[in-house]
Amino acid sequence: MTTVTLLLLARVLHILGGVIWAGSMFALSFAIIPIGTRHADEGAGRWTALATRKLGPASGIAALITVLSGMYLFATLHDGDTSTGGIVLATGAAAAVLSFLVGVLIGRPAGMKMAKLQGAASKSAGDLAELASLGRRAAVSSRVSGILLGLAVLSMAMFRYAPALAG
């Protein structure tokens, strides 16, 4: 496979993965999880769990593909780039990696534990308190991850134009 073919494949994977990751992350962070939290007493927790069970893995796989292809593209095309555009791109890449880490290290474990507790036939008062705590942790990590991912998307959309904007 030629270098151009590899670059094209990496770019396609990066863009498609990024669209899926960002789209599902924004839907989870700013719509599904807040609705589930706000209407938990009305049974929205079950709906939220069903939605996150589908979107979570898709988002995680897309995130991994996006980060790995982005690392390849950055190393191949922008290694050592200290221009204004390169700095904007590196900042966006760092925000994307941080978003990924927040999701993997905080959001996913909280969600997995919530799913396990929600699946239990009977819940003690301690289980309900832990579910509430885990829900808050998942919601905050989702928002933080979503904001970081938004910064990454904006940085990557603007890095080519950064020199012109800088003056």
N, C-alpha and C. Protein backbone atom coordinates (compact mmCIF):
# COMPACT_ATOMS: atom_id res chain seq x y z
N MET A 1 0.84 -1.17 0.00
CA MET A 1 0.00 0.00 0.00
C MET A 1 0.90 1.24 0.00
N THR A 2 0.58 2.20 -0.83
CA THR A 2 1.40 3.41 -0.93
C THR A 2 1.11 4.35 0.24
N THR A 3 2.02 5.29 0.45
CA THR A 3 1.85 6.26 1.52
C THR A 3 0.59 7.09 1.31
N VAL A 4 0.34 7.48 0.06
CA VAL A 4 -0.85 8.28 -0.24
C VAL A 4 -2.11 7.49 0.08
N THR A 5 -2.12 6.20 -0.25
CA THR A 5 -3.28 5.36 0.05
C THR A 5 -3.47 5.24 1.56
N LEU A 6 -2.39 5.05 2.30
CA LEU A 6 -2.48 4.98 3.76
C LEU A 6 -2.99 6.29 4.36
N LEU A 7 -2.49 7.40 3.84
CA LEU A 7 -2.95 8.70 4.33
C LEU A 7 -4.43 8.90 4.04
N LEU A 8 -4.86 8.53 2.85
CA LEU A 8 -6.27 8.66 2.48
C LEU A 8 -7.14 7.78 3.37
N LEU A 9 -6.72 6.54 3.58
CA LEU A 9 -7.47 5.62 4.44
C LEU A 9 -7.53 6.15 5.87
N ALA A 10 -6.41 6.63 6.38
CA ALA A 10 -6.37 7.18 7.74
C ALA A 10 -7.28 8.40 7.85
N ARG A 11 -7.27 9.24 6.83
CA ARG A 11 -8.11 10.44 6.85
C ARG A 11 -9.59 10.08 6.83
N VAL A 12 -9.97 9.11 5.99
CA VAL A 12 -11.37 8.66 5.93
C VAL A 12 -11.79 8.08 7.28
N LEU A 13 -10.95 7.21 7.85
CA LEU A 13 -11.26 6.63 9.16
C LEU A 13 -11.36 7.71 10.23
N HIS A 14 -10.45 8.68 10.18
CA HIS A 14 -10.44 9.76 11.16
C HIS A 14 -11.71 10.60 11.07
N ILE A 15 -12.10 10.96 9.88
CA ILE A 15 -13.28 11.81 9.70
C ILE A 15 -14.56 11.04 10.05
N LEU A 16 -14.73 9.84 9.51
CA LEU A 16 -15.93 9.07 9.81
C LEU A 16 -16.01 8.70 11.29
N GLY A 17 -14.89 8.26 11.86
CA GLY A 17 -14.87 7.95 13.28
C GLY A 17 -15.17 9.17 14.13
N GLY A 18 -14.60 10.30 13.74
CA GLY A 18 -14.83 11.54 14.48
C GLY A 18 -16.27 11.99 14.43
N VAL A 19 -16.91 11.85 13.28
CA VAL A 19 -18.32 12.23 13.15
C VAL A 19 -19.19 11.34 14.05
N ILE A 20 -18.94 10.04 14.02
CA ILE A 20 -19.71 9.11 14.86
C ILE A 20 -19.44 9.38 16.33
N TRP A 21 -18.17 9.53 16.70
CA TRP A 21 -17.81 9.79 18.09
C TRP A 21 -18.44 11.09 18.58
N ALA A 22 -18.23 12.17 17.85
CA ALA A 22 -18.74 13.47 18.29
C ALA A 22 -20.27 13.47 18.30
N GLY A 23 -20.89 12.93 17.27
CA GLY A 23 -22.35 12.91 17.23
C GLY A 23 -22.96 12.15 18.38
N SER A 24 -22.45 10.95 18.64
CA SER A 24 -23.00 10.16 19.74
C SER A 24 -22.66 10.79 21.08
N MET A 25 -21.47 11.35 21.21
CA MET A 25 -21.07 11.98 22.47
C MET A 25 -21.93 13.20 22.76
N PHE A 26 -22.18 14.04 21.75
CA PHE A 26 -23.01 15.22 21.97
C PHE A 26 -24.44 14.82 22.29
N ALA A 27 -24.97 13.79 21.62
CA ALA A 27 -26.33 13.32 21.91
C ALA A 27 -26.42 12.81 23.34
N LEU A 28 -25.43 12.01 23.75
CA LEU A 28 -25.42 11.49 25.12
C LEU A 28 -25.26 12.61 26.15
N SER A 29 -24.27 13.46 25.93
CA SER A 29 -23.89 14.48 26.92
C SER A 29 -24.93 15.56 27.12
N PHE A 30 -25.53 15.99 26.03
CA PHE A 30 -26.37 17.17 26.11
C PHE A 30 -27.85 16.91 25.87
N ALA A 31 -28.24 15.65 25.64
CA ALA A 31 -29.66 15.33 25.47
C ALA A 31 -30.06 14.11 26.28
N ILE A 32 -29.53 12.96 25.96
CA ILE A 32 -30.00 11.71 26.56
C ILE A 32 -29.75 11.64 28.06
N ILE A 33 -28.53 11.86 28.50
CA ILE A 33 -28.22 11.77 29.94
C ILE A 33 -28.95 12.86 30.74
N PRO A 34 -28.99 14.12 30.29
CA PRO A 34 -29.76 15.11 31.06
C PRO A 34 -31.25 14.78 31.15
N ILE A 35 -31.84 14.27 30.07
CA ILE A 35 -33.25 13.88 30.12
C ILE A 35 -33.45 12.74 31.10
N GLY A 36 -32.55 11.75 31.04
CA GLY A 36 -32.64 10.62 31.96
C GLY A 36 -32.50 11.05 33.41
N THR A 37 -31.61 11.99 33.67
CA THR A 37 -31.40 12.48 35.03
C THR A 37 -32.61 13.28 35.51
N ARG A 38 -33.10 14.16 34.66
CA ARG A 38 -34.21 15.04 35.02
C ARG A 38 -35.50 14.26 35.25
N HIS A 39 -35.69 13.19 34.50
CA HIS A 39 -36.95 12.44 34.57
C HIS A 39 -36.76 11.03 35.12
N ALA A 40 -35.76 10.84 35.95
CA ALA A 40 -35.46 9.52 36.51
C ALA A 40 -36.64 8.98 37.31
N ASP A 41 -37.34 9.85 38.05
CA ASP A 41 -38.47 9.41 38.87
C ASP A 41 -39.64 8.92 38.01
N GLU A 42 -39.66 9.31 36.76
CA GLU A 42 -40.75 8.91 35.85
C GLU A 42 -40.38 7.68 35.03
N GLY A 43 -39.25 7.07 35.32
CA GLY A 43 -38.84 5.86 34.62
C GLY A 43 -37.92 6.08 33.43
N ALA A 44 -37.39 7.29 33.30
CA ALA A 44 -36.51 7.58 32.16
C ALA A 44 -35.17 6.86 32.27
N GLY A 45 -34.83 6.42 33.47
CA GLY A 45 -33.55 5.72 33.65
C GLY A 45 -33.44 4.49 32.78
N ARG A 46 -34.54 3.77 32.62
CA ARG A 46 -34.54 2.57 31.78
C ARG A 46 -34.28 2.94 30.32
N TRP A 47 -34.96 4.00 29.85
CA TRP A 47 -34.77 4.46 28.47
C TRP A 47 -33.33 4.93 28.26
N THR A 48 -32.82 5.69 29.23
CA THR A 48 -31.44 6.18 29.14
C THR A 48 -30.46 5.01 29.08
N ALA A 49 -30.70 4.00 29.91
CA ALA A 49 -29.82 2.83 29.91
C ALA A 49 -29.84 2.12 28.56
N LEU A 50 -31.02 2.01 27.96
CA LEU A 50 -31.12 1.36 26.63
C LEU A 50 -30.35 2.17 25.58
N ALA A 51 -30.52 3.49 25.61
CA ALA A 51 -29.84 4.34 24.62
C ALA A 51 -28.33 4.29 24.81
N THR A 52 -27.88 4.37 26.05
CA THR A 52 -26.43 4.38 26.29
C THR A 52 -25.82 3.01 26.01
N ARG A 53 -26.60 1.95 26.17
CA ARG A 53 -26.09 0.62 25.86
C ARG A 53 -25.77 0.48 24.37
N LYS A 54 -26.51 1.19 23.53
CA LYS A 54 -26.26 1.15 22.08
C LYS A 54 -25.20 2.18 21.67
N LEU A 55 -25.37 3.41 22.15
CA LEU A 55 -24.46 4.48 21.73
C LEU A 55 -23.07 4.38 22.37
N GLY A 56 -23.01 3.91 23.59
CA GLY A 56 -21.73 3.83 24.30
C GLY A 56 -20.67 3.04 23.57
N PRO A 57 -20.94 1.77 23.23
CA PRO A 57 -19.93 0.98 22.51
C PRO A 57 -19.59 1.56 21.13
N ALA A 58 -20.59 2.04 20.41
CA ALA A 58 -20.32 2.63 19.09
C ALA A 58 -19.43 3.86 19.24
N SER A 59 -19.72 4.67 20.24
CA SER A 59 -18.91 5.86 20.49
C SER A 59 -17.48 5.47 20.88
N GLY A 60 -17.35 4.46 21.72
CA GLY A 60 -16.02 4.02 22.16
C GLY A 60 -15.17 3.50 21.03
N ILE A 61 -15.77 2.68 20.17
CA ILE A 61 -15.04 2.13 19.02
C ILE A 61 -14.65 3.26 18.06
N ALA A 62 -15.61 4.16 17.80
CA ALA A 62 -15.33 5.29 16.91
C ALA A 62 -14.25 6.18 17.50
N ALA A 63 -14.28 6.38 18.82
CA ALA A 63 -13.27 7.20 19.48
C ALA A 63 -11.88 6.59 19.33
N LEU A 64 -11.79 5.29 19.55
CA LEU A 64 -10.49 4.61 19.42
C LEU A 64 -9.96 4.72 17.99
N ILE A 65 -10.82 4.48 17.01
CA ILE A 65 -10.41 4.60 15.60
C ILE A 65 -9.97 6.03 15.30
N THR A 66 -10.71 7.00 15.82
CA THR A 66 -10.39 8.41 15.58
C THR A 66 -9.05 8.79 16.20
N VAL A 67 -8.83 8.39 17.43
CA VAL A 67 -7.58 8.73 18.12
C VAL A 67 -6.39 8.06 17.43
N LEU A 68 -6.51 6.77 17.12
CA LEU A 68 -5.39 6.06 16.49
C LEU A 68 -5.08 6.62 15.10
N SER A 69 -6.12 6.84 14.29
CA SER A 69 -5.86 7.40 12.95
C SER A 69 -5.34 8.83 13.05
N GLY A 70 -5.82 9.58 14.04
CA GLY A 70 -5.33 10.94 14.26
C GLY A 70 -3.86 10.97 14.65
N MET A 71 -3.47 10.01 15.49
CA MET A 71 -2.05 9.93 15.87
C MET A 71 -1.18 9.64 14.65
N TYR A 72 -1.65 8.74 13.79
CA TYR A 72 -0.90 8.43 12.57
C TYR A 72 -0.81 9.66 11.67
N LEU A 73 -1.94 10.33 11.46
CA LEU A 73 -1.96 11.52 10.60
C LEU A 73 -1.06 12.62 11.16
N PHE A 74 -1.14 12.84 12.47
CA PHE A 74 -0.34 13.90 13.08
C PHE A 74 1.15 13.58 12.95
N ALA A 75 1.52 12.34 13.24
CA ALA A 75 2.94 11.94 13.16
C ALA A 75 3.45 12.00 11.73
N THR A 76 2.61 11.69 10.77
CA THR A 76 3.02 11.66 9.38
C THR A 76 3.04 13.05 8.75
N LEU A 77 2.05 13.87 9.07
CA LEU A 77 1.89 15.14 8.37
C LEU A 77 2.30 16.37 9.18
N HIS A 78 2.30 16.28 10.51
CA HIS A 78 2.50 17.49 11.31
C HIS A 78 3.54 17.35 12.41
N ASP A 79 4.36 16.32 12.37
CA ASP A 79 5.36 16.12 13.41
C ASP A 79 6.32 17.31 13.46
N GLY A 80 6.46 17.90 14.62
CA GLY A 80 7.37 19.02 14.79
C GLY A 80 6.83 20.34 14.28
N ASP A 81 5.57 20.40 13.90
CA ASP A 81 4.97 21.62 13.37
C ASP A 81 4.73 22.61 14.52
N THR A 82 5.50 23.70 14.52
CA THR A 82 5.36 24.72 15.57
C THR A 82 4.70 25.99 15.05
N SER A 83 4.11 25.90 13.86
CA SER A 83 3.39 27.05 13.31
C SER A 83 2.11 27.27 14.14
N THR A 84 1.45 28.39 13.90
CA THR A 84 0.20 28.67 14.60
C THR A 84 -0.81 27.56 14.34
N GLY A 85 -0.92 27.15 13.08
CA GLY A 85 -1.83 26.06 12.74
C GLY A 85 -1.46 24.76 13.42
N GLY A 86 -0.17 24.47 13.48
CA GLY A 86 0.29 23.25 14.15
C GLY A 86 -0.02 23.25 15.63
N ILE A 87 0.10 24.41 16.26
CA ILE A 87 -0.21 24.53 17.69
C ILE A 87 -1.70 24.35 17.92
N VAL A 88 -2.53 24.94 17.06
CA VAL A 88 -3.98 24.78 17.17
C VAL A 88 -4.35 23.31 16.99
N LEU A 89 -3.75 22.65 16.01
CA LEU A 89 -4.02 21.24 15.76
C LEU A 89 -3.57 20.37 16.94
N ALA A 90 -2.39 20.64 17.48
CA ALA A 90 -1.89 19.88 18.63
C ALA A 90 -2.79 20.08 19.85
N THR A 91 -3.29 21.29 20.03
CA THR A 91 -4.21 21.56 21.14
C THR A 91 -5.50 20.76 20.97
N GLY A 92 -6.01 20.73 19.74
CA GLY A 92 -7.21 19.93 19.46
C GLY A 92 -6.97 18.45 19.67
N ALA A 93 -5.80 17.99 19.27
CA ALA A 93 -5.46 16.57 19.47
C ALA A 93 -5.38 16.24 20.95
N ALA A 94 -4.79 17.14 21.73
CA ALA A 94 -4.71 16.92 23.19
C ALA A 94 -6.10 16.89 23.80
N ALA A 95 -6.98 17.79 23.36
CA ALA A 95 -8.36 17.81 23.87
C ALA A 95 -9.08 16.51 23.52
N ALA A 96 -8.86 15.99 22.31
CA ALA A 96 -9.49 14.73 21.90
C ALA A 96 -8.99 13.57 22.75
N VAL A 97 -7.69 13.51 22.98
CA VAL A 97 -7.13 12.43 23.80
C VAL A 97 -7.65 12.53 25.23
N LEU A 98 -7.71 13.74 25.78
CA LEU A 98 -8.26 13.92 27.13
C LEU A 98 -9.73 13.50 27.19
N SER A 99 -10.49 13.86 26.16
CA SER A 99 -11.90 13.45 26.09
C SER A 99 -12.01 11.93 26.10
N PHE A 100 -11.18 11.29 25.32
CA PHE A 100 -11.16 9.82 25.26
C PHE A 100 -10.83 9.23 26.63
N LEU A 101 -9.82 9.78 27.28
CA LEU A 101 -9.40 9.26 28.59
C LEU A 101 -10.48 9.47 29.66
N VAL A 102 -11.13 10.62 29.64
CA VAL A 102 -12.23 10.86 30.59
C VAL A 102 -13.33 9.83 30.38
N GLY A 103 -13.65 9.57 29.12
CA GLY A 103 -14.68 8.57 28.83
C GLY A 103 -14.29 7.17 29.26
N VAL A 104 -13.07 6.78 28.97
CA VAL A 104 -12.61 5.41 29.27
C VAL A 104 -12.36 5.21 30.76
N LEU A 105 -11.76 6.19 31.41
CA LEU A 105 -11.34 6.01 32.80
C LEU A 105 -12.39 6.42 33.84
N ILE A 106 -13.34 7.27 33.46
CA ILE A 106 -14.34 7.73 34.42
C ILE A 106 -15.76 7.36 33.97
N GLY A 107 -16.13 7.77 32.77
CA GLY A 107 -17.50 7.56 32.30
C GLY A 107 -17.87 6.10 32.11
N ARG A 108 -17.04 5.35 31.44
CA ARG A 108 -17.36 3.95 31.16
C ARG A 108 -17.47 3.12 32.44
N PRO A 109 -16.50 3.20 33.36
CA PRO A 109 -16.66 2.42 34.60
C PRO A 109 -17.93 2.78 35.38
N ALA A 110 -18.26 4.07 35.43
CA ALA A 110 -19.49 4.48 36.13
C ALA A 110 -20.71 3.90 35.43
N GLY A 111 -20.74 3.97 34.11
CA GLY A 111 -21.86 3.42 33.35
C GLY A 111 -21.99 1.92 33.49
N MET A 112 -20.87 1.21 33.49
CA MET A 112 -20.90 -0.25 33.63
C MET A 112 -21.43 -0.64 35.01
N LYS A 113 -20.98 0.08 36.04
CA LYS A 113 -21.44 -0.24 37.39
C LYS A 113 -22.93 0.11 37.54
N MET A 114 -23.35 1.22 36.92
CA MET A 114 -24.77 1.58 36.95
C MET A 114 -25.62 0.50 36.30
N ALA A 115 -25.18 0.01 35.15
CA ALA A 115 -25.93 -1.02 34.44
C ALA A 115 -26.06 -2.27 35.30
N LYS A 116 -25.00 -2.62 35.98
CA LYS A 116 -25.03 -3.81 36.85
C LYS A 116 -26.01 -3.61 38.00
N LEU A 117 -25.97 -2.43 38.63
CA LEU A 117 -26.88 -2.16 39.75
C LEU A 117 -28.33 -2.05 39.29
N GLN A 118 -28.55 -1.44 38.11
CA GLN A 118 -29.91 -1.31 37.60
C GLN A 118 -30.50 -2.66 37.22
N GLY A 119 -29.65 -3.60 36.88
CA GLY A 119 -30.11 -4.93 36.50
C GLY A 119 -30.48 -5.80 37.68
N ALA A 120 -30.09 -5.39 38.88
CA ALA A 120 -30.40 -6.19 40.07
C ALA A 120 -31.91 -6.20 40.31
N ALA A 121 -32.42 -7.37 40.74
CA ALA A 121 -33.86 -7.52 40.95
C ALA A 121 -34.36 -6.60 42.06
N SER A 122 -33.65 -6.54 43.15
CA SER A 122 -34.05 -5.65 44.24
C SER A 122 -32.88 -4.74 44.58
N LYS A 123 -33.24 -3.53 44.98
CA LYS A 123 -32.20 -2.54 45.28
C LYS A 123 -32.37 -2.05 46.71
N SER A 124 -31.29 -2.07 47.45
CA SER A 124 -31.30 -1.54 48.81
C SER A 124 -31.18 -0.02 48.76
N ALA A 125 -31.35 0.61 49.91
CA ALA A 125 -31.18 2.06 49.99
C ALA A 125 -29.75 2.44 49.60
N GLY A 126 -28.79 1.60 49.98
CA GLY A 126 -27.39 1.85 49.62
C GLY A 126 -27.18 1.77 48.11
N ASP A 127 -27.86 0.79 47.48
CA ASP A 127 -27.77 0.66 46.02
C ASP A 127 -28.34 1.88 45.32
N LEU A 128 -29.47 2.39 45.83
CA LEU A 128 -30.09 3.57 45.22
C LEU A 128 -29.20 4.80 45.38
N ALA A 129 -28.57 4.92 46.54
CA ALA A 129 -27.65 6.05 46.76
C ALA A 129 -26.44 5.93 45.83
N GLU A 130 -25.93 4.70 45.69
CA GLU A 130 -24.78 4.50 44.79
C GLU A 130 -25.17 4.76 43.34
N LEU A 131 -26.38 4.35 42.95
CA LEU A 131 -26.86 4.63 41.59
C LEU A 131 -26.92 6.13 41.34
N ALA A 132 -27.41 6.89 42.31
CA ALA A 132 -27.48 8.34 42.16
C ALA A 132 -26.08 8.94 42.03
N SER A 133 -25.16 8.47 42.85
CA SER A 133 -23.78 8.97 42.79
C SER A 133 -23.13 8.62 41.46
N LEU A 134 -23.32 7.39 41.02
CA LEU A 134 -22.76 6.97 39.73
C LEU A 134 -23.38 7.75 38.58
N GLY A 135 -24.67 8.03 38.68
CA GLY A 135 -25.35 8.82 37.65
C GLY A 135 -24.77 10.21 37.54
N ARG A 136 -24.50 10.82 38.69
CA ARG A 136 -23.88 12.16 38.68
C ARG A 136 -22.48 12.10 38.08
N ARG A 137 -21.71 11.07 38.46
CA ARG A 137 -20.35 10.92 37.93
C ARG A 137 -20.39 10.72 36.41
N ALA A 138 -21.31 9.88 35.95
CA ALA A 138 -21.42 9.64 34.51
C ALA A 138 -21.84 10.92 33.78
N ALA A 139 -22.78 11.67 34.36
CA ALA A 139 -23.25 12.90 33.72
C ALA A 139 -22.14 13.94 33.64
N VAL A 140 -21.40 14.12 34.73
CA VAL A 140 -20.31 15.12 34.74
C VAL A 140 -19.20 14.70 33.78
N SER A 141 -18.81 13.42 33.82
CA SER A 141 -17.74 12.97 32.92
C SER A 141 -18.18 13.09 31.47
N SER A 142 -19.45 12.84 31.21
CA SER A 142 -19.97 12.96 29.85
C SER A 142 -19.92 14.41 29.37
N ARG A 143 -20.32 15.34 30.25
CA ARG A 143 -20.27 16.75 29.88
C ARG A 143 -18.84 17.22 29.65
N VAL A 144 -17.94 16.84 30.55
CA VAL A 144 -16.53 17.24 30.41
C VAL A 144 -15.96 16.67 29.12
N SER A 145 -16.24 15.39 28.87
CA SER A 145 -15.76 14.75 27.65
C SER A 145 -16.35 15.42 26.41
N GLY A 146 -17.63 15.76 26.48
CA GLY A 146 -18.28 16.44 25.35
C GLY A 146 -17.70 17.81 25.07
N ILE A 147 -17.41 18.56 26.12
CA ILE A 147 -16.81 19.89 25.95
C ILE A 147 -15.41 19.77 25.36
N LEU A 148 -14.61 18.84 25.88
CA LEU A 148 -13.27 18.62 25.33
C LEU A 148 -13.34 18.20 23.86
N LEU A 149 -14.29 17.33 23.55
CA LEU A 149 -14.44 16.88 22.17
C LEU A 149 -14.88 18.03 21.27
N GLY A 150 -15.74 18.90 21.79
CA GLY A 150 -16.15 20.08 21.03
C GLY A 150 -14.95 20.98 20.72
N LEU A 151 -14.08 21.17 21.71
CA LEU A 151 -12.85 21.95 21.49
C LEU A 151 -11.97 21.29 20.43
N ALA A 152 -11.89 19.97 20.48
CA ALA A 152 -11.08 19.24 19.49
C ALA A 152 -11.65 19.44 18.08
N VAL A 153 -12.96 19.31 17.96
CA VAL A 153 -13.60 19.47 16.64
C VAL A 153 -13.36 20.89 16.11
N LEU A 154 -13.55 21.89 16.96
CA LEU A 154 -13.32 23.28 16.52
C LEU A 154 -11.87 23.51 16.14
N SER A 155 -10.95 22.98 16.92
CA SER A 155 -9.52 23.15 16.61
C SER A 155 -9.17 22.52 15.27
N MET A 156 -9.69 21.33 15.03
CA MET A 156 -9.35 20.63 13.79
C MET A 156 -10.02 21.28 12.58
N ALA A 157 -11.17 21.89 12.81
CA ALA A 157 -11.84 22.59 11.71
C ALA A 157 -11.12 23.89 11.37
N MET A 158 -10.46 24.50 12.35
CA MET A 158 -9.89 25.83 12.16
C MET A 158 -8.38 25.88 11.99
N PHE A 159 -7.67 24.77 12.20
CA PHE A 159 -6.20 24.86 12.25
C PHE A 159 -5.60 25.40 10.96
N ARG A 160 -6.20 25.11 9.83
CA ARG A 160 -5.65 25.60 8.55
C ARG A 160 -5.78 27.11 8.41
N TYR A 161 -6.78 27.67 9.10
CA TYR A 161 -7.06 29.10 8.99
C TYR A 161 -6.45 29.89 10.14
N ALA A 162 -5.85 29.21 11.11
CA ALA A 162 -5.28 29.88 12.29
C ALA A 162 -4.24 30.94 11.93
N PRO A 163 -3.34 30.67 10.98
CA PRO A 163 -2.35 31.72 10.65
C PRO A 163 -3.01 33.01 10.15
N ALA A 164 -4.06 32.89 9.36
CA ALA A 164 -4.74 34.08 8.85
C ALA A 164 -5.47 34.81 9.97
N LEU A 165 -6.04 34.05 10.90
CA LEU A 165 -6.76 34.66 12.02
C LEU A 165 -5.80 35.31 13.02
N ALA A 166 -4.60 34.75 13.13
CA ALA A 166 -3.61 35.27 14.08
C ALA A 166 -3.01 36.60 13.61
N GLY A 167 -3.16 36.89 12.35
CA GLY A 167 -2.66 38.18 11.90
C GLY A 167 -1.66 38.03 10.87
